[in-house]
Amino acid sequence: MPNSYSIKETASYQKSYQKKSYEGLYQKVKSVIYPVLKNEPRYGKRIRRLHGNLGIIYRYRVDEMSLFYFFDEDRKTIYLLEILKNTNGLY
């Protein structure tokens, strides 16, 4: 795929998915979500851009979790920031 993005996992992202409550989620993210993001990180049924000062960050909803990331268009790289449980008040 000529327009494919690469994916980099930040240290905070790696730490967040290692929580016991997220057991098994990493494989789902890697097998289902990575291919979607690599193809198009901006648009999709589960993708939303955050507002205000967080406007460079995107959220991808995964079941009861949200995966936060940003991307560098020039480098064609997506940086995964964190995965959190959805709670009231969370985007």
Protein backbone atom coordinates (compact mmCIF):
# COMPACT_ATOMS: atom_id res chain seq x y z
CA MET A 1 0.00 0.00 0.00
CA PRO A 2 1.80 3.18 -1.13
CA ASN A 3 0.03 5.56 1.31
CA SER A 4 0.33 3.27 4.32
CA TYR A 5 1.35 4.71 7.68
CA SER A 6 3.74 3.10 10.14
CA ILE A 7 2.72 2.80 13.80
CA LYS A 8 4.91 3.65 16.80
CA GLU A 9 3.92 2.77 20.36
CA THR A 10 4.93 5.36 22.96
CA ALA A 11 6.10 4.26 26.42
CA SER A 12 2.88 5.58 27.97
CA TYR A 13 0.82 3.52 25.51
CA GLN A 14 2.80 0.36 26.28
CA LYS A 15 2.34 0.95 30.00
CA SER A 16 -1.41 1.57 29.62
CA TYR A 17 -2.23 -1.69 27.82
CA GLN A 18 -0.21 -3.77 30.27
CA LYS A 19 -2.83 -3.17 32.99
CA LYS A 20 -4.53 -6.37 34.06
CA SER A 21 -8.00 -5.01 33.20
CA TYR A 22 -6.88 -4.61 29.56
CA GLU A 23 -5.79 -8.24 29.20
CA GLY A 24 -6.34 -9.47 25.65
CA LEU A 25 -7.03 -6.00 24.32
CA TYR A 26 -3.56 -5.55 22.81
CA GLN A 27 -4.01 -8.42 20.35
CA LYS A 28 -7.38 -7.02 19.26
CA VAL A 29 -5.87 -3.58 18.74
CA LYS A 30 -2.94 -4.99 16.81
CA SER A 31 -4.98 -7.31 14.57
CA VAL A 32 -8.10 -5.20 13.98
CA ILE A 33 -7.29 -1.55 14.57
CA TYR A 34 -3.71 -1.27 13.30
CA PRO A 35 -4.73 -2.15 9.72
CA VAL A 36 -7.52 0.46 9.79
CA LEU A 37 -5.24 3.20 11.12
CA LYS A 38 -2.40 2.32 8.75
CA ASN A 39 -4.76 2.83 5.83
CA GLU A 40 -6.53 6.01 7.04
CA PRO A 41 -5.94 7.55 10.50
CA ARG A 42 -8.32 10.51 10.05
CA TYR A 43 -11.69 9.07 9.12
CA GLY A 44 -13.79 6.16 10.20
CA LYS A 45 -16.90 5.15 12.09
CA ARG A 46 -15.01 4.91 15.39
CA ILE A 47 -12.52 7.77 14.84
CA ARG A 48 -12.99 11.28 16.20
CA ARG A 49 -10.64 14.22 16.38
CA LEU A 50 -10.46 15.91 19.79
CA HIS A 51 -11.28 19.61 20.15
CA GLY A 52 -9.49 22.72 21.38
CA ASN A 53 -5.86 22.44 22.41
CA LEU A 54 -6.07 18.67 21.85
CA GLY A 55 -6.96 19.10 18.17
CA ILE A 56 -3.97 17.14 16.91
CA ILE A 57 -5.05 14.07 18.90
CA TYR A 58 -7.53 11.52 17.62
CA ARG A 59 -9.60 8.93 19.48
CA TYR A 60 -10.50 5.48 18.22
CA ARG A 61 -13.26 3.76 20.22
CA VAL A 62 -12.59 0.10 21.01
CA ASP A 63 -15.47 -1.58 22.86
CA GLU A 64 -15.39 0.14 26.28
CA MET A 65 -11.98 1.69 25.66
CA SER A 66 -10.59 4.65 23.76
CA LEU A 67 -7.26 4.58 21.94
CA PHE A 68 -5.62 8.03 21.67
CA TYR A 69 -3.09 8.85 18.97
CA PHE A 70 -1.70 11.52 16.68
CA PHE A 71 0.05 11.25 13.34
CA ASP A 72 2.79 12.96 11.41
CA GLU A 73 1.67 13.34 7.81
CA ASP A 74 5.19 14.12 6.52
CA ARG A 75 6.68 10.98 8.07
CA LYS A 76 3.56 8.86 7.51
CA THR A 77 3.78 7.76 11.15
CA ILE A 78 1.06 7.24 13.76
CA TYR A 79 2.05 7.60 17.43
CA LEU A 80 -0.14 5.68 19.86
CA LEU A 81 -0.40 7.66 23.11
CA GLU A 82 -2.67 5.78 25.48
CA ILE A 83 -5.62 3.47 25.83
CA LEU A 84 -8.17 4.25 28.56
CA LYS A 85 -11.49 2.89 29.80
CA ASN A 86 -14.40 5.08 28.74
CA THR A 87 -15.95 6.89 31.70
CA ASN A 88 -18.28 9.83 32.07
CA GLY A 89 -16.44 12.95 31.04
CA LEU A 90 -13.97 11.11 28.81
CA TYR A 91 -14.17 12.08 25.15
